[in-house]
């Protein structure tokens, strides 16, 4: 076989390889920048993702927004009789998001910003937070997948979050295992989900699930311990919530 033939075959193989790659595949440098500038910690219990810088919006799971609500007992003494009465009171601690910055192997700074719930849908476990502080440090917005995105078995996915909170800005990869699941986590209603094999654990709830182009295709809502079975809410449910609260311009 002549050198010219070998060169032609090599060129053909290289062309086929390049054609197999997505035209706008998520390269490593872009991935790192996007994760570091969009992934946040929600009230030190969950994860979230910045989806709009101007409006200061963070996407997370609805169940991550209820951790700041607790029922406590208040003891009150009747001034006339001296009797002690106990009543239960629901208290809400302020919500906030955190962004950690590292220097070598330790945290050198932490930005903490107050946040409020801009909108939520308990039925699909999606919530949108809005940062109250207008002087927050420059971030970037993670893009939402297009309506044309199709959930198919075998498609690659990337899960981003803060497992155990200590392991912030973590990314794992896997594939879509099942495009449609409808499960009830004890709320009395079933949530439409998709299943994937990207490893996740506590602390990553509310984090973003990306496709191989760096677009958010879902938010993590739960999973099964000890196995690579994670469940996420499709991005269409987030878009429906954004439209409901008048913020559909974010993905248009």
C-alpha atoms as a PDB file:
ATOM      1  CA  UNK A   1       0.000   0.000   0.000  1.00  0.00           C
ATOM      2  CA  UNK A   2       1.523   3.326  -1.075  1.00  0.00           C
ATOM      3  CA  UNK A   3       2.065   6.299   1.224  1.00  0.00           C
ATOM      4  CA  UNK A   4      -0.498   8.338  -0.722  1.00  0.00           C
ATOM      5  CA  UNK A   5      -3.171   5.700  -0.136  1.00  0.00           C
ATOM      6  CA  UNK A   6      -2.328   5.514   3.567  1.00  0.00           C
ATOM      7  CA  UNK A   7      -2.525   9.291   3.831  1.00  0.00           C
ATOM      8  CA  UNK A   8      -5.928   9.285   2.121  1.00  0.00           C
ATOM      9  CA  UNK A   9      -7.232   6.607   4.479  1.00  0.00           C
ATOM     10  CA  UNK A  10      -5.909   8.492   7.519  1.00  0.00           C
ATOM     11  CA  UNK A  11      -7.582  11.682   6.352  1.00  0.00           C
ATOM     12  CA  UNK A  12     -10.867   9.860   5.800  1.00  0.00           C
ATOM     13  CA  UNK A  13     -10.768   8.305   9.296  1.00  0.00           C
ATOM     14  CA  UNK A  14      -9.957  11.693  10.855  1.00  0.00           C
ATOM     15  CA  UNK A  15     -12.880  13.281   9.000  1.00  0.00           C
ATOM     16  CA  UNK A  16     -15.272  10.609  10.228  1.00  0.00           C
ATOM     17  CA  UNK A  17     -14.032  11.129  13.796  1.00  0.00           C
ATOM     18  CA  UNK A  18     -14.563  14.871  13.583  1.00  0.00           C
ATOM     19  CA  UNK A  19     -18.040  14.404  12.122  1.00  0.00           C
ATOM     20  CA  UNK A  20     -18.927  12.202  15.110  1.00  0.00           C
ATOM     21  CA  UNK A  21     -18.246  15.033  17.543  1.00  0.00           C
ATOM     22  CA  UNK A  22     -20.947  17.647  18.249  1.00  0.00           C
ATOM     23  CA  UNK A  23     -20.267  20.911  16.426  1.00  0.00           C
ATOM     24  CA  UNK A  24     -20.376  22.871  19.691  1.00  0.00           C
ATOM     25  CA  UNK A  25     -19.216  20.186  22.128  1.00  0.00           C
ATOM     26  CA  UNK A  26     -18.560  21.303  25.698  1.00  0.00           C
ATOM     27  CA  UNK A  27     -14.764  21.435  25.923  1.00  0.00           C
ATOM     28  CA  UNK A  28     -12.938  21.143  29.248  1.00  0.00           C
ATOM     29  CA  UNK A  29     -11.905  24.789  29.562  1.00  0.00           C
ATOM     30  CA  UNK A  30     -15.446  26.046  28.964  1.00  0.00           C
ATOM     31  CA  UNK A  31     -16.790  23.409  31.340  1.00  0.00           C
ATOM     32  CA  UNK A  32     -14.483  24.488  34.157  1.00  0.00           C
ATOM     33  CA  UNK A  33     -15.276  28.173  33.735  1.00  0.00           C
ATOM     34  CA  UNK A  34     -19.023  27.541  33.582  1.00  0.00           C
ATOM     35  CA  UNK A  35     -19.042  25.310  36.669  1.00  0.00           C
ATOM     36  CA  UNK A  36     -16.975  27.710  38.743  1.00  0.00           C
ATOM     37  CA  UNK A  37     -19.119  30.710  37.779  1.00  0.00           C
ATOM     38  CA  UNK A  38     -22.594  29.174  37.919  1.00  0.00           C
ATOM     39  CA  UNK A  39     -22.610  26.447  40.584  1.00  0.00           C
ATOM     40  CA  UNK A  40     -23.565  27.672  44.077  1.00  0.00           C
ATOM     41  CA  UNK A  41     -24.394  26.235  47.489  1.00  0.00           C
ATOM     42  CA  UNK A  42     -27.961  26.829  48.685  1.00  0.00           C
ATOM     43  CA  UNK A  43     -28.337  27.519  52.425  1.00  0.00           C
ATOM     44  CA  UNK A  44     -25.471  25.106  53.172  1.00  0.00           C
ATOM     45  CA  UNK A  45     -27.648  22.056  52.412  1.00  0.00           C
ATOM     46  CA  UNK A  46     -28.112  21.870  48.626  1.00  0.00           C
ATOM     47  CA  UNK A  47     -26.864  22.984  45.243  1.00  0.00           C
ATOM     48  CA  UNK A  48     -28.086  25.515  42.717  1.00  0.00           C
ATOM     49  CA  UNK A  49     -27.155  27.053  39.377  1.00  0.00           C
ATOM     50  CA  UNK A  50     -27.116  30.671  38.230  1.00  0.00           C
ATOM     51  CA  UNK A  51     -29.371  30.955  35.169  1.00  0.00           C
ATOM     52  CA  UNK A  52     -29.600  34.739  34.855  1.00  0.00           C
ATOM     53  CA  UNK A  53     -27.066  37.341  35.975  1.00  0.00           C
ATOM     54  CA  UNK A  54     -29.115  40.517  35.506  1.00  0.00           C
ATOM     55  CA  UNK A  55     -32.085  39.210  37.501  1.00  0.00           C
ATOM     56  CA  UNK A  56     -29.722  37.299  39.860  1.00  0.00           C
ATOM     57  CA  UNK A  57     -31.678  34.062  39.501  1.00  0.00           C
ATOM     58  CA  UNK A  58     -30.646  30.647  40.784  1.00  0.00           C
ATOM     59  CA  UNK A  59     -32.279  27.359  39.795  1.00  0.00           C
ATOM     60  CA  UNK A  60     -32.599  24.679  42.479  1.00  0.00           C
ATOM     61  CA  UNK A  61     -34.965  21.961  43.712  1.00  0.00           C
ATOM     62  CA  UNK A  62     -38.061  22.986  45.648  1.00  0.00           C
ATOM     63  CA  UNK A  63     -37.293  20.589  48.500  1.00  0.00           C
ATOM     64  CA  UNK A  64     -34.036  22.506  49.012  1.00  0.00           C
ATOM     65  CA  UNK A  65     -36.034  25.617  49.904  1.00  0.00           C
ATOM     66  CA  UNK A  66     -37.938  23.994  52.768  1.00  0.00           C
ATOM     67  CA  UNK A  67     -34.883  23.194  54.888  1.00  0.00           C
ATOM     68  CA  UNK A  68     -34.986  26.670  56.383  1.00  0.00           C
ATOM     69  CA  UNK A  69     -38.454  26.031  57.846  1.00  0.00           C
ATOM     70  CA  UNK A  70     -38.720  24.431  61.265  1.00  0.00           C
ATOM     71  CA  UNK A  71     -41.339  23.978  63.929  1.00  0.00           C
ATOM     72  CA  UNK A  72     -40.266  24.991  67.441  1.00  0.00           C
ATOM     73  CA  UNK A  73     -42.016  25.044  70.801  1.00  0.00           C
ATOM     74  CA  UNK A  74     -42.468  28.371  72.539  1.00  0.00           C
ATOM     75  CA  UNK A  75     -43.139  28.455  76.279  1.00  0.00           C
ATOM     76  CA  UNK A  76     -45.221  31.327  77.571  1.00  0.00           C
ATOM     77  CA  UNK A  77     -46.055  32.135  81.186  1.00  0.00           C
ATOM     78  CA  UNK A  78     -49.462  33.526  82.078  1.00  0.00           C
ATOM     79  CA  UNK A  79     -48.731  36.650  84.164  1.00  0.00           C
ATOM     80  CA  UNK A  80     -51.933  36.265  86.203  1.00  0.00           C
ATOM     81  CA  UNK A  81     -51.941  32.555  86.961  1.00  0.00           C
ATOM     82  CA  UNK A  82     -48.320  31.641  86.484  1.00  0.00           C
ATOM     83  CA  UNK A  83     -49.331  28.725  84.257  1.00  0.00           C
ATOM     84  CA  UNK A  84     -46.920  27.712  81.526  1.00  0.00           C
ATOM     85  CA  UNK A  85     -48.386  27.256  78.065  1.00  0.00           C
ATOM     86  CA  UNK A  86     -46.551  25.581  75.209  1.00  0.00           C
ATOM     87  CA  UNK A  87     -47.402  26.418  71.624  1.00  0.00           C
ATOM     88  CA  UNK A  88     -45.805  25.376  68.380  1.00  0.00           C
ATOM     89  CA  UNK A  89     -44.507  28.094  66.064  1.00  0.00           C
ATOM     90  CA  UNK A  90     -43.175  27.762  62.523  1.00  0.00           C
ATOM     91  CA  UNK A  91     -39.929  29.691  62.061  1.00  0.00           C
ATOM     92  CA  UNK A  92     -38.083  30.511  58.879  1.00  0.00           C
ATOM     93  CA  UNK A  93     -34.371  31.141  58.843  1.00  0.00           C
ATOM     94  CA  UNK A  94     -33.068  33.452  56.086  1.00  0.00           C
ATOM     95  CA  UNK A  95     -32.128  31.799  52.794  1.00  0.00           C
ATOM     96  CA  UNK A  96     -28.763  32.444  51.182  1.00  0.00           C
ATOM     97  CA  UNK A  97     -26.395  31.162  48.526  1.00  0.00           C
ATOM     98  CA  UNK A  98     -22.653  30.714  48.938  1.00  0.00           C
ATOM     99  CA  UNK A  99     -19.758  30.741  46.505  1.00  0.00           C
ATOM    100  CA  UNK A 100     -16.418  29.371  47.688  1.00  0.00           C
ATOM    101  CA  UNK A 101     -13.033  30.328  46.269  1.00  0.00           C
ATOM    102  CA  UNK A 102      -9.973  28.116  46.672  1.00  0.00           C
ATOM    103  CA  UNK A 103      -6.268  28.841  46.861  1.00  0.00           C
ATOM    104  CA  UNK A 104      -4.261  25.645  46.373  1.00  0.00           C
ATOM    105  CA  UNK A 105      -5.925  23.219  48.818  1.00  0.00           C
ATOM    106  CA  UNK A 106      -7.945  25.449  51.137  1.00  0.00           C
ATOM    107  CA  UNK A 107     -10.856  27.884  51.038  1.00  0.00           C
ATOM    108  CA  UNK A 108      -9.514  31.426  50.931  1.00  0.00           C
ATOM    109  CA  UNK A 109     -12.808  33.278  50.679  1.00  0.00           C
ATOM    110  CA  UNK A 110     -16.544  32.792  50.745  1.00  0.00           C
ATOM    111  CA  UNK A 111     -19.157  35.067  49.272  1.00  0.00           C
ATOM    112  CA  UNK A 112     -22.550  34.714  50.916  1.00  0.00           C
ATOM    113  CA  UNK A 113     -25.639  36.396  49.488  1.00  0.00           C
ATOM    114  CA  UNK A 114     -29.158  36.678  50.853  1.00  0.00           C
ATOM    115  CA  UNK A 115     -31.847  35.159  48.641  1.00  0.00           C
ATOM    116  CA  UNK A 116     -35.623  34.880  48.426  1.00  0.00           C
ATOM    117  CA  UNK A 117     -37.877  32.413  46.632  1.00  0.00           C
ATOM    118  CA  UNK A 118     -39.009  34.040  43.390  1.00  0.00           C
ATOM    119  CA  UNK A 119     -41.191  31.096  42.398  1.00  0.00           C
ATOM    120  CA  UNK A 120     -41.636  27.379  42.954  1.00  0.00           C
ATOM    121  CA  UNK A 121     -43.610  24.342  41.888  1.00  0.00           C
ATOM    122  CA  UNK A 122     -43.836  21.677  44.576  1.00  0.00           C
ATOM    123  CA  UNK A 123     -45.469  19.249  42.136  1.00  0.00           C
ATOM    124  CA  UNK A 124     -42.334  19.108  39.968  1.00  0.00           C
ATOM    125  CA  UNK A 125     -39.766  19.928  42.695  1.00  0.00           C
ATOM    126  CA  UNK A 126     -38.441  23.052  40.961  1.00  0.00           C
ATOM    127  CA  UNK A 127     -37.703  26.450  42.511  1.00  0.00           C
ATOM    128  CA  UNK A 128     -36.230  29.758  41.366  1.00  0.00           C
ATOM    129  CA  UNK A 129     -34.322  31.861  43.898  1.00  0.00           C
ATOM    130  CA  UNK A 130     -33.444  35.515  43.501  1.00  0.00           C
ATOM    131  CA  UNK A 131     -30.381  37.000  45.134  1.00  0.00           C
ATOM    132  CA  UNK A 132     -31.331  40.079  47.148  1.00  0.00           C
ATOM    133  CA  UNK A 133     -27.861  41.641  47.203  1.00  0.00           C
ATOM    134  CA  UNK A 134     -27.414  43.699  44.055  1.00  0.00           C
ATOM    135  CA  UNK A 135     -23.650  44.021  44.585  1.00  0.00           C
ATOM    136  CA  UNK A 136     -22.927  40.321  44.149  1.00  0.00           C
ATOM    137  CA  UNK A 137     -19.699  39.352  42.454  1.00  0.00           C
ATOM    138  CA  UNK A 138     -19.729  38.857  38.660  1.00  0.00           C
ATOM    139  CA  UNK A 139     -21.050  35.430  37.687  1.00  0.00           C
ATOM    140  CA  UNK A 140     -22.219  33.910  34.432  1.00  0.00           C
ATOM    141  CA  UNK A 141     -25.491  32.250  33.431  1.00  0.00           C
ATOM    142  CA  UNK A 142     -25.764  28.598  32.465  1.00  0.00           C
ATOM    143  CA  UNK A 143     -27.828  28.139  29.276  1.00  0.00           C
ATOM    144  CA  UNK A 144     -31.032  26.102  29.292  1.00  0.00           C
ATOM    145  CA  UNK A 145     -31.455  23.344  26.721  1.00  0.00           C
ATOM    146  CA  UNK A 146     -33.632  24.039  23.716  1.00  0.00           C
ATOM    147  CA  UNK A 147     -37.196  22.731  23.492  1.00  0.00           C
ATOM    148  CA  UNK A 148     -35.989  20.453  20.705  1.00  0.00           C
ATOM    149  CA  UNK A 149     -33.720  18.499  23.072  1.00  0.00           C
ATOM    150  CA  UNK A 150     -34.679  14.816  23.147  1.00  0.00           C
ATOM    151  CA  UNK A 151     -34.120  12.601  26.168  1.00  0.00           C
ATOM    152  CA  UNK A 152     -32.857   9.285  24.813  1.00  0.00           C
ATOM    153  CA  UNK A 153     -31.162   6.316  26.469  1.00  0.00           C
ATOM    154  CA  UNK A 154     -27.399   6.407  26.041  1.00  0.00           C
ATOM    155  CA  UNK A 155     -27.031  10.165  25.673  1.00  0.00           C
ATOM    156  CA  UNK A 156     -24.124  11.512  27.778  1.00  0.00           C
ATOM    157  CA  UNK A 157     -24.871  13.726  30.787  1.00  0.00           C
ATOM    158  CA  UNK A 158     -22.832  15.685  33.334  1.00  0.00           C
ATOM    159  CA  UNK A 159     -24.030  16.195  36.907  1.00  0.00           C
ATOM    160  CA  UNK A 160     -22.718  19.276  38.730  1.00  0.00           C
ATOM    161  CA  UNK A 161     -23.201  19.981  42.421  1.00  0.00           C
ATOM    162  CA  UNK A 162     -21.728  20.054  45.890  1.00  0.00           C
ATOM    163  CA  UNK A 163     -21.818  16.496  47.330  1.00  0.00           C
ATOM    164  CA  UNK A 164     -21.680  16.605  51.096  1.00  0.00           C
ATOM    165  CA  UNK A 165     -21.239  20.399  50.611  1.00  0.00           C
ATOM    166  CA  UNK A 166     -17.519  19.880  51.368  1.00  0.00           C
ATOM    167  CA  UNK A 167     -16.840  18.653  47.822  1.00  0.00           C
ATOM    168  CA  UNK A 168     -18.067  21.739  46.006  1.00  0.00           C
ATOM    169  CA  UNK A 169     -17.956  22.249  42.241  1.00  0.00           C
ATOM    170  CA  UNK A 170     -17.922  18.504  41.580  1.00  0.00           C
ATOM    171  CA  UNK A 171     -18.754  17.043  38.193  1.00  0.00           C
ATOM    172  CA  UNK A 172     -19.564  13.427  37.364  1.00  0.00           C
ATOM    173  CA  UNK A 173     -20.575  11.918  34.081  1.00  0.00           C
ATOM    174  CA  UNK A 174     -22.893   9.172  32.904  1.00  0.00           C
ATOM    175  CA  UNK A 175     -25.644   8.473  30.426  1.00  0.00           C
ATOM    176  CA  UNK A 176     -29.408   8.798  30.354  1.00  0.00           C
ATOM    177  CA  UNK A 177     -30.617   5.431  31.613  1.00  0.00           C
ATOM    178  CA  UNK A 178     -34.342   5.985  31.099  1.00  0.00           C
ATOM    179  CA  UNK A 179     -35.980   9.033  29.509  1.00  0.00           C
ATOM    180  CA  UNK A 180     -39.162   8.926  31.562  1.00  0.00           C
ATOM    181  CA  UNK A 181     -39.970   7.950  35.152  1.00  0.00           C
ATOM    182  CA  UNK A 182     -42.941   8.996  37.250  1.00  0.00           C
ATOM    183  CA  UNK A 183     -42.246   8.573  40.947  1.00  0.00           C
ATOM    184  CA  UNK A 184     -43.758   9.636  44.255  1.00  0.00           C
ATOM    185  CA  UNK A 185     -41.255  10.556  46.969  1.00  0.00           C
ATOM    186  CA  UNK A 186     -43.921  10.616  49.671  1.00  0.00           C
ATOM    187  CA  UNK A 187     -45.588  13.897  48.729  1.00  0.00           C
ATOM    188  CA  UNK A 188     -48.715  12.208  47.437  1.00  0.00           C
ATOM    189  CA  UNK A 189     -48.117  13.109  43.797  1.00  0.00           C
ATOM    190  CA  UNK A 190     -45.822  11.692  41.134  1.00  0.00           C
ATOM    191  CA  UNK A 191     -43.001  13.756  39.692  1.00  0.00           C
ATOM    192  CA  UNK A 192     -42.016  13.408  35.995  1.00  0.00           C
ATOM    193  CA  UNK A 193     -38.309  12.568  35.942  1.00  0.00           C
ATOM    194  CA  UNK A 194     -35.537  11.105  33.839  1.00  0.00           C
ATOM    195  CA  UNK A 195     -33.015   8.582  35.149  1.00  0.00           C
ATOM    196  CA  UNK A 196     -29.256   8.794  34.574  1.00  0.00           C
ATOM    197  CA  UNK A 197     -26.078   7.105  35.770  1.00  0.00           C
ATOM    198  CA  UNK A 198     -24.017  10.174  36.760  1.00  0.00           C
ATOM    199  CA  UNK A 199     -23.090   9.646  40.431  1.00  0.00           C
ATOM    200  CA  UNK A 200     -24.671  12.022  42.948  1.00  0.00           C
ATOM    201  CA  UNK A 201     -25.132  12.226  46.704  1.00  0.00           C
ATOM    202  CA  UNK A 202     -26.608  14.425  49.431  1.00  0.00           C
ATOM    203  CA  UNK A 203     -25.722  18.080  48.957  1.00  0.00           C
ATOM    204  CA  UNK A 204     -25.987  17.843  45.180  1.00  0.00           C
ATOM    205  CA  UNK A 205     -29.793  18.054  45.205  1.00  0.00           C
ATOM    206  CA  UNK A 206     -30.883  21.012  43.101  1.00  0.00           C
ATOM    207  CA  UNK A 207     -27.693  20.881  41.055  1.00  0.00           C
ATOM    208  CA  UNK A 208     -27.625  21.050  37.268  1.00  0.00           C
ATOM    209  CA  UNK A 209     -27.622  18.133  34.845  1.00  0.00           C
ATOM    210  CA  UNK A 210     -25.972  19.126  31.560  1.00  0.00           C
ATOM    211  CA  UNK A 211     -25.838  17.644  28.089  1.00  0.00           C
ATOM    212  CA  UNK A 212     -22.547  17.428  26.180  1.00  0.00           C
ATOM    213  CA  UNK A 213     -23.046  20.942  24.811  1.00  0.00           C
ATOM    214  CA  UNK A 214     -23.088  22.573  28.259  1.00  0.00           C
ATOM    215  CA  UNK A 215     -26.844  23.170  28.366  1.00  0.00           C
ATOM    216  CA  UNK A 216     -28.936  22.410  31.444  1.00  0.00           C
ATOM    217  CA  UNK A 217     -31.325  19.562  30.686  1.00  0.00           C
ATOM    218  CA  UNK A 218     -32.526  19.006  34.260  1.00  0.00           C
ATOM    219  CA  UNK A 219     -32.115  19.503  38.012  1.00  0.00           C
ATOM    220  CA  UNK A 220     -31.247  16.736  40.440  1.00  0.00           C
ATOM    221  CA  UNK A 221     -34.074  15.756  42.754  1.00  0.00           C
ATOM    222  CA  UNK A 222     -33.007  12.381  44.198  1.00  0.00           C
ATOM    223  CA  UNK A 223     -31.370   9.016  43.731  1.00  0.00           C
ATOM    224  CA  UNK A 224     -30.602   5.651  45.261  1.00  0.00           C
ATOM    225  CA  UNK A 225     -27.652   5.174  47.603  1.00  0.00           C
ATOM    226  CA  UNK A 226     -24.866   2.811  46.599  1.00  0.00           C
ATOM    227  CA  UNK A 227     -25.830   2.566  42.930  1.00  0.00           C
ATOM    228  CA  UNK A 228     -25.558   4.897  39.963  1.00  0.00           C
ATOM    229  CA  UNK A 229     -29.266   5.652  39.788  1.00  0.00           C
ATOM    230  CA  UNK A 230     -30.014   9.362  39.908  1.00  0.00           C
ATOM    231  CA  UNK A 231     -33.272  11.099  39.085  1.00  0.00           C
ATOM    232  CA  UNK A 232     -33.700  14.581  37.675  1.00  0.00           C
ATOM    233  CA  UNK A 233     -36.494  16.921  36.633  1.00  0.00           C
ATOM    234  CA  UNK A 234     -36.545  17.798  32.910  1.00  0.00           C
ATOM    235  CA  UNK A 235     -35.710  21.405  32.039  1.00  0.00           C
ATOM    236  CA  UNK A 236     -39.173  21.820  30.482  1.00  0.00           C
ATOM    237  CA  UNK A 237     -40.596  21.969  34.022  1.00  0.00           C
ATOM    238  CA  UNK A 238     -38.218  24.808  34.862  1.00  0.00           C
ATOM    239  CA  UNK A 239     -39.271  26.675  31.732  1.00  0.00           C
ATOM    240  CA  UNK A 240     -42.934  26.215  32.662  1.00  0.00           C
ATOM    241  CA  UNK A 241     -42.232  27.746  36.073  1.00  0.00           C
ATOM    242  CA  UNK A 242     -40.277  30.646  34.544  1.00  0.00           C
ATOM    243  CA  UNK A 243     -43.187  31.338  32.223  1.00  0.00           C
ATOM    244  CA  UNK A 244     -45.641  31.169  35.118  1.00  0.00           C
ATOM    245  CA  UNK A 245     -43.753  33.863  37.034  1.00  0.00           C
ATOM    246  CA  UNK A 246     -43.215  36.026  33.964  1.00  0.00           C
ATOM    247  CA  UNK A 247     -39.552  35.264  33.283  1.00  0.00           C
ATOM    248  CA  UNK A 248     -39.732  33.296  30.034  1.00  0.00           C
ATOM    249  CA  UNK A 249     -37.404  35.880  28.415  1.00  0.00           C
ATOM    250  CA  UNK A 250     -34.525  34.013  30.067  1.00  0.00           C
ATOM    251  CA  UNK A 251     -34.720  31.094  27.628  1.00  0.00           C
ATOM    252  CA  UNK A 252     -36.148  32.808  24.551  1.00  0.00           C
END
